[in-house]
Amino acid sequence: MLVLSRRDVEELLDVDALIDSLAPAMADLSAGRAHVPERTAAAVPERDALLLDMPGHAPSAGALASKLVSVFPGNAGTGLPVRQAVIVAFDPATGEPAALLDGTHITAVRTAACAALSARLLARDDASVVAVLGTGVQARAHAIAVPRVRDVREVRIAGRDHAKAAALAEELSGAVDADVRAVAGYAEAVAGAGIVSAATYAVEPVVRREWLAPGTHVTSIGYNPRGREVDDATIADAALFVESRAAALAAVPPNLDLAEPLERGVITPAHVRAELGEVVEGTRPGRASEEEITLYKSVGVVVQDLAATALVLREARRRGAGTEVRL
């Protein structure tokens, strides 16, 4: 069995290759070619936390795996990621355990890469300013991934703590081929941006309809059991895209950005225009006009992890990376 550390995974996983690989993976999900059971969650009430189990099989990627991911919101600001994970991969031909690998880096990168895929599919061609809302692991991953799909000249970083936003902007200045700068607040970051990528643990919405310019594409991955990242007006006015209708509309645990507007009748399930995989395959429409606001609301699906795991294992075998162990 191959064991791959976080450092191994960081060295082996190529962001551009992952963005490309996610398109057929999402198409497989929408077409029913991938088998993705509902994820289950074990609660840790005293920490307001969860342990999630996410199994899946994607024949086109040659991947059979399960991800265990902990979601501990109390880790925010402590130096520990809110989401930490391991992935166990099995040989899809024999069922033998094939690899154990860090899933924390994969979770961050695959989430940002799918946001980038959504921008490739839905953002205006002339989108040149990206607003990244948040300063954590996911915000960093989005700031790296999303500008890869458009000719971006400016990346604006905003967060609750301006010092953290400034530190992240400085860190990214050499990693992103654009002018990266911290701004004073969310409204300033969003104003006039062609792509807005929200990756926060917000209680009050950081994406507000009155801040969004016509034609903006919004990606939102935030989850907070007590709050929202996107306001009702944006949810209602935007063309809504998801990874999976079943996962987004009945997420475990519920994502309030969609669950609350659904419960109060602000939107209905029919408000979802398409899954990303349907846009990839051309079975459902994407952006309808240059002025339309589009919103990709992510809850995370395991086919993204399967695509990333397949890439990592393929590259590990090519390079002879990792450690072989006998169980």
Protein backbone atom coordinates (compact mmCIF):
# COMPACT_ATOMS: atom_id res chain seq x y z
CA MET A 1 0.00 0.00 0.00
CA LEU A 2 1.34 3.40 -0.98
CA VAL A 3 1.39 6.11 1.71
CA LEU A 4 1.65 9.73 0.59
CA SER A 5 2.22 12.58 3.03
CA ARG A 6 0.86 16.09 2.67
CA ARG A 7 4.22 17.22 1.33
CA ASP A 8 4.09 14.43 -1.24
CA VAL A 9 0.60 15.44 -2.32
CA GLU A 10 1.55 19.12 -2.55
CA GLU A 11 4.45 18.24 -4.86
CA LEU A 12 2.47 15.81 -7.01
CA LEU A 13 -0.85 17.60 -7.57
CA ASP A 14 -0.82 20.00 -10.54
CA VAL A 15 -3.56 22.64 -10.37
CA ASP A 16 -3.92 23.11 -14.14
CA ALA A 17 -4.19 19.37 -14.72
CA LEU A 18 -6.80 19.16 -11.96
CA ILE A 19 -8.97 21.92 -13.42
CA ASP A 20 -8.94 20.04 -16.73
CA SER A 21 -9.67 16.68 -15.06
CA LEU A 22 -12.62 18.04 -13.12
CA ALA A 23 -14.62 18.75 -16.29
CA PRO A 24 -15.11 15.06 -17.24
CA ALA A 25 -15.48 14.14 -13.56
CA MET A 26 -18.36 16.57 -13.11
CA ALA A 27 -19.88 15.40 -16.40
CA ASP A 28 -19.70 11.80 -15.12
CA LEU A 29 -21.51 12.84 -11.95
CA SER A 30 -24.33 14.60 -13.79
CA ALA A 31 -24.73 11.76 -16.31
CA GLY A 32 -24.88 9.09 -13.59
CA ARG A 33 -21.68 7.36 -14.69
CA ALA A 34 -20.05 7.99 -11.30
CA HIS A 35 -21.46 6.37 -8.17
CA VAL A 36 -21.54 8.82 -5.27
CA PRO A 37 -23.65 7.79 -2.26
CA GLU A 38 -24.87 10.45 0.15
CA ARG A 39 -22.18 11.41 2.59
CA THR A 40 -22.72 10.68 6.25
CA ALA A 41 -21.79 12.85 9.21
CA ALA A 42 -20.88 12.10 12.82
CA ALA A 43 -21.44 15.13 15.04
CA VAL A 44 -19.09 16.36 17.75
CA PRO A 45 -21.54 18.71 19.52
CA GLU A 46 -19.14 19.94 22.18
CA ARG A 47 -16.91 21.33 19.41
CA ASP A 48 -19.70 22.28 16.99
CA ALA A 49 -17.84 19.95 14.62
CA LEU A 50 -18.35 17.05 12.22
CA LEU A 51 -16.62 14.00 10.82
CA LEU A 52 -17.79 13.28 7.29
CA ASP A 53 -17.44 10.06 5.28
CA MET A 54 -17.50 10.52 1.50
CA PRO A 55 -17.14 7.34 -0.61
CA GLY A 56 -17.25 7.23 -4.38
CA HIS A 57 -16.43 5.38 -7.59
CA ALA A 58 -15.56 7.14 -10.84
CA PRO A 59 -14.91 4.60 -13.62
CA SER A 60 -13.62 7.17 -16.10
CA ALA A 61 -10.93 8.27 -13.62
CA GLY A 62 -10.20 4.69 -12.59
CA ALA A 63 -10.79 5.72 -8.98
CA LEU A 64 -12.47 4.00 -6.04
CA ALA A 65 -11.92 5.79 -2.76
CA SER A 66 -13.39 7.20 0.40
CA LYS A 67 -12.49 10.44 2.09
CA LEU A 68 -12.79 11.06 5.81
CA VAL A 69 -12.85 14.78 6.52
CA SER A 70 -13.21 16.55 9.85
CA VAL A 71 -14.80 20.00 9.97
CA PHE A 72 -13.78 21.79 13.17
CA PRO A 73 -14.75 25.48 12.87
CA GLY A 74 -13.00 26.26 16.15
CA ASN A 75 -9.67 25.77 14.40
CA ALA A 76 -10.12 29.01 12.48
CA GLY A 77 -7.30 31.36 13.37
CA THR A 78 -5.34 28.73 15.33
CA GLY A 79 -2.97 27.57 12.61
CA LEU A 80 -4.88 24.32 12.14
CA PRO A 81 -7.14 23.96 9.07
CA VAL A 82 -10.87 23.95 9.68
CA ARG A 83 -11.05 20.95 7.32
CA GLN A 84 -8.57 18.06 7.69
CA ALA A 85 -8.80 14.83 5.75
CA VAL A 86 -7.36 11.50 4.72
CA ILE A 87 -8.23 9.53 1.59
CA VAL A 88 -8.09 5.76 1.23
CA ALA A 89 -7.92 4.57 -2.38
CA PHE A 90 -8.74 1.00 -3.47
CA ASP A 91 -7.90 -0.90 -6.62
CA PRO A 92 -11.17 -0.74 -8.61
CA ALA A 93 -10.39 -4.11 -10.23
CA THR A 94 -9.68 -6.13 -7.07
CA GLY A 95 -10.84 -4.04 -4.11
CA GLU A 96 -7.38 -4.13 -2.55
CA PRO A 97 -6.41 -1.07 -0.48
CA ALA A 98 -4.01 0.73 -2.79
CA ALA A 99 -3.06 3.99 -1.11
CA LEU A 100 -3.47 6.15 1.96
CA LEU A 101 -2.88 9.81 1.33
CA ASP A 102 -3.32 13.18 2.92
CA GLY A 103 -6.64 14.69 1.92
CA THR A 104 -6.32 18.12 3.51
CA HIS A 105 -4.36 19.61 0.61
CA ILE A 106 -6.53 17.78 -1.91
CA THR A 107 -9.69 19.18 -0.28
CA ALA A 108 -8.38 22.73 -0.52
CA VAL A 109 -7.08 22.45 -4.06
CA ARG A 110 -9.94 20.48 -5.59
CA THR A 111 -12.48 22.93 -4.13
CA ALA A 112 -10.64 25.89 -5.61
CA ALA A 113 -10.03 24.06 -8.89
CA CYS A 114 -13.76 23.40 -9.32
CA ALA A 115 -14.45 27.07 -8.60
CA ALA A 116 -11.95 27.81 -11.36
CA LEU A 117 -13.75 25.36 -13.64
CA SER A 118 -17.03 27.16 -12.93
CA ALA A 119 -15.34 30.45 -13.87
CA ARG A 120 -14.00 28.88 -17.09
CA LEU A 121 -17.54 27.78 -17.97
CA LEU A 122 -19.53 30.78 -16.72
CA ALA A 123 -17.47 33.94 -16.24
CA ARG A 124 -17.42 36.60 -18.93
CA ASP A 125 -14.49 36.30 -21.32
CA ASP A 126 -13.31 39.77 -20.35
CA ALA A 127 -13.28 39.13 -16.58
CA SER A 128 -9.94 40.59 -15.50
CA VAL A 129 -10.42 41.39 -11.79
CA VAL A 130 -10.84 38.65 -9.18
CA ALA A 131 -12.06 39.39 -5.66
CA VAL A 132 -11.10 36.76 -3.08
CA LEU A 133 -13.12 37.01 0.12
CA GLY A 134 -11.38 35.28 3.03
CA THR A 135 -7.82 34.84 4.22
CA GLY A 136 -7.58 31.14 5.09
CA VAL A 137 -6.45 27.98 3.33
CA GLN A 138 -9.33 28.02 0.87
CA ALA A 139 -8.90 31.70 0.07
CA ARG A 140 -5.24 31.10 -0.74
CA ALA A 141 -6.12 28.14 -2.98
CA HIS A 142 -8.77 30.17 -4.82
CA ALA A 143 -6.40 33.08 -5.37
CA ILE A 144 -4.01 30.68 -7.09
CA ALA A 145 -6.52 28.60 -9.08
CA VAL A 146 -9.20 31.00 -10.31
CA PRO A 147 -6.90 33.44 -12.20
CA ARG A 148 -5.62 30.51 -14.29
CA VAL A 149 -8.81 30.42 -16.40
CA ARG A 150 -8.98 34.09 -17.43
CA ASP A 151 -6.52 36.84 -18.36
CA VAL A 152 -6.54 38.37 -14.87
CA ARG A 153 -4.70 41.62 -14.19
CA GLU A 154 -5.74 42.18 -10.55
CA VAL A 155 -6.57 40.02 -7.52
CA ARG A 156 -8.10 41.77 -4.50
CA ILE A 157 -8.00 40.10 -1.08
CA ALA A 158 -10.44 41.04 1.69
CA GLY A 159 -11.15 39.52 5.10
CA ARG A 160 -12.31 40.29 8.60
CA ASP A 161 -8.70 40.96 9.61
CA HIS A 162 -6.98 43.38 7.24
CA ALA A 163 -3.54 42.39 8.53
CA LYS A 164 -4.21 38.79 7.48
CA ALA A 165 -5.44 39.96 4.09
CA ALA A 166 -2.28 42.00 3.65
CA ALA A 167 -0.10 39.06 4.67
CA LEU A 168 -1.87 36.76 2.20
CA ALA A 169 -1.55 39.32 -0.60
CA GLU A 170 2.17 39.62 0.08
CA GLU A 171 2.59 35.83 0.14
CA LEU A 172 0.75 35.47 -3.18
CA SER A 173 2.48 38.32 -4.97
CA GLY A 174 5.08 35.96 -6.42
CA ALA A 175 2.73 33.01 -6.97
CA VAL A 176 0.01 34.69 -9.06
CA ASP A 177 0.63 36.34 -12.43
CA ALA A 178 -1.36 39.46 -11.55
CA ASP A 179 -1.29 42.46 -9.25
CA VAL A 180 -2.33 41.06 -5.85
CA ARG A 181 -3.37 43.54 -3.18
CA ALA A 182 -5.33 43.66 0.04
CA VAL A 183 -8.29 46.04 0.26
CA ALA A 184 -10.12 47.51 3.22
CA GLY A 185 -13.34 45.51 3.04
CA TYR A 186 -15.59 43.13 1.15
CA ALA A 187 -17.54 45.86 -0.67
CA GLU A 188 -14.34 47.40 -2.03
CA ALA A 189 -13.08 44.00 -3.17
CA VAL A 190 -16.31 43.12 -4.96
CA ALA A 191 -16.91 46.48 -6.67
CA GLY A 192 -16.38 46.04 -10.41
CA ALA A 193 -14.83 42.56 -10.10
CA GLY A 194 -15.57 40.12 -12.91
CA ILE A 195 -15.17 37.11 -10.63
CA VAL A 196 -15.90 37.02 -6.90
CA SER A 197 -14.62 33.99 -4.98
CA ALA A 198 -15.99 33.74 -1.45
CA ALA A 199 -14.23 31.35 0.92
CA THR A 200 -15.23 32.44 4.40
CA TYR A 201 -16.75 31.27 7.66
CA ALA A 202 -19.11 34.23 7.60
CA VAL A 203 -22.19 34.59 9.78
CA GLU A 204 -23.44 37.65 7.89
CA PRO A 205 -23.28 37.66 4.07
CA VAL A 206 -20.06 38.94 2.53
CA VAL A 207 -21.56 38.73 -0.99
CA ARG A 208 -24.34 41.29 -1.34
CA ARG A 209 -26.36 41.98 -4.45
CA GLU A 210 -25.92 45.75 -4.33
CA TRP A 211 -22.14 45.35 -4.56
CA LEU A 212 -22.14 43.16 -7.67
CA ALA A 213 -21.60 44.63 -11.12
CA PRO A 214 -23.63 43.32 -14.07
CA GLY A 215 -22.07 40.17 -15.51
CA THR A 216 -20.20 39.13 -12.36
CA HIS A 217 -19.55 35.46 -11.75
CA VAL A 218 -19.64 34.46 -8.07
CA THR A 219 -18.16 31.32 -6.57
CA SER A 220 -19.15 30.50 -2.99
CA ILE A 221 -17.79 27.62 -0.92
CA GLY A 222 -18.42 28.97 2.58
CA TYR A 223 -20.22 26.92 5.22
CA ASN A 224 -21.31 28.06 8.66
CA PRO A 225 -24.04 26.25 10.62
CA ARG A 226 -25.16 29.59 12.08
CA GLY A 227 -24.83 31.96 9.15
CA ARG A 228 -24.63 32.84 5.50
CA GLU A 229 -21.98 33.84 2.96
CA VAL A 230 -24.36 35.05 0.21
CA ASP A 231 -27.45 37.22 0.70
CA ASP A 232 -30.99 36.41 -0.43
CA ALA A 233 -31.00 39.01 -3.21
CA THR A 234 -27.96 37.47 -4.88
CA ILE A 235 -29.36 33.96 -4.54
CA ALA A 236 -32.66 35.10 -6.06
CA ASP A 237 -31.28 37.27 -8.88
CA ALA A 238 -28.38 35.08 -10.04
CA ALA A 239 -28.44 32.15 -12.40
CA LEU A 240 -27.61 29.33 -9.96
CA PHE A 241 -25.24 26.48 -10.75
CA VAL A 242 -24.28 23.57 -8.47
CA GLU A 243 -22.18 20.41 -8.55
CA SER A 244 -25.19 18.18 -7.91
CA ARG A 245 -28.81 19.12 -7.32
CA ALA A 246 -29.21 16.30 -4.81
CA ALA A 247 -26.08 17.30 -2.88
CA ALA A 248 -26.77 21.04 -2.95
CA LEU A 249 -30.48 20.99 -2.12
CA ALA A 250 -30.26 18.33 0.58
CA ALA A 251 -26.72 18.79 1.85
CA VAL A 252 -25.60 16.96 4.99
CA PRO A 253 -25.17 19.12 7.00
CA PRO A 254 -27.45 21.77 5.43
CA ASN A 255 -25.74 24.73 3.77
CA LEU A 256 -27.78 27.73 4.85
CA ASP A 257 -26.96 29.76 1.74
CA LEU A 258 -29.41 27.53 -0.12
CA ALA A 259 -31.36 25.86 2.70
CA GLU A 260 -32.72 29.13 4.16
CA PRO A 261 -33.93 30.66 0.85
CA LEU A 262 -35.53 27.33 -0.05
CA GLU A 263 -37.30 27.05 3.30
CA ARG A 264 -38.65 30.60 3.11
CA GLY A 265 -39.70 30.35 -0.53
CA VAL A 266 -37.19 32.89 -1.83
CA ILE A 267 -36.27 30.25 -4.41
CA THR A 268 -37.51 26.80 -5.35
CA PRO A 269 -35.46 23.79 -6.48
CA ALA A 270 -36.24 24.82 -10.05
CA HIS A 271 -34.06 27.91 -9.53
CA VAL A 272 -31.00 25.73 -10.17
CA ARG A 273 -30.27 26.30 -13.84
CA ALA A 274 -27.75 23.48 -14.22
CA GLU A 275 -25.13 21.30 -12.69
CA LEU A 276 -21.59 22.06 -13.83
CA GLY A 277 -21.40 18.65 -15.51
CA GLU A 278 -24.50 19.47 -17.56
CA VAL A 279 -22.85 22.67 -18.77
CA VAL A 280 -19.69 20.69 -19.62
CA GLU A 281 -21.71 18.22 -21.69
CA GLY A 282 -23.91 20.90 -23.25
CA THR A 283 -27.16 19.36 -22.01
CA ARG A 284 -28.09 22.49 -20.02
CA PRO A 285 -27.28 26.14 -20.72
CA GLY A 286 -24.65 28.22 -18.97
CA ARG A 287 -24.46 32.02 -19.01
CA ALA A 288 -27.37 33.54 -20.92
CA SER A 289 -26.09 37.09 -21.41
CA GLU A 290 -23.16 39.41 -20.77
CA GLU A 291 -25.16 41.24 -18.08
CA GLU A 292 -26.34 38.18 -16.18
CA ILE A 293 -24.97 37.44 -12.71
CA THR A 294 -24.00 33.80 -12.33
CA LEU A 295 -23.49 31.99 -9.02
CA TYR A 296 -21.73 28.68 -8.44
CA LYS A 297 -22.62 27.44 -4.95
CA SER A 298 -20.41 24.55 -3.88
CA VAL A 299 -21.08 22.01 -1.15
CA GLY A 300 -18.28 19.65 -2.23
CA VAL A 301 -18.68 16.25 -3.90
CA VAL A 302 -16.33 13.30 -3.75
CA VAL A 303 -15.84 13.01 -7.52
CA GLN A 304 -13.63 16.07 -7.14
CA ASP A 305 -11.47 14.16 -4.66
CA LEU A 306 -11.47 11.11 -6.93
CA ALA A 307 -10.19 13.14 -9.87
CA ALA A 308 -7.45 14.66 -7.71
CA THR A 309 -6.52 11.32 -6.15
CA ALA A 310 -6.19 9.68 -9.56
CA LEU A 311 -3.84 12.46 -10.71
CA VAL A 312 -1.73 12.23 -7.55
CA LEU A 313 -1.40 8.43 -7.70
CA ARG A 314 -0.55 8.46 -11.40
CA GLU A 315 2.19 11.02 -10.83
CA ALA A 316 3.45 9.24 -7.68
CA ARG A 317 3.89 6.00 -9.61
CA ARG A 318 5.64 7.83 -12.44
CA ARG A 319 8.09 9.47 -10.04
CA GLY A 320 8.39 6.60 -7.56
CA ALA A 321 7.17 8.89 -4.77
CA GLY A 322 5.75 7.92 -1.39
CA THR A 323 6.36 5.00 0.94
CA GLU A 324 5.24 1.42 0.33
CA VAL A 325 3.93 -0.37 3.44
CA ARG A 326 2.44 -3.80 4.04
CA LEU A 327 -0.72 -3.85 6.13
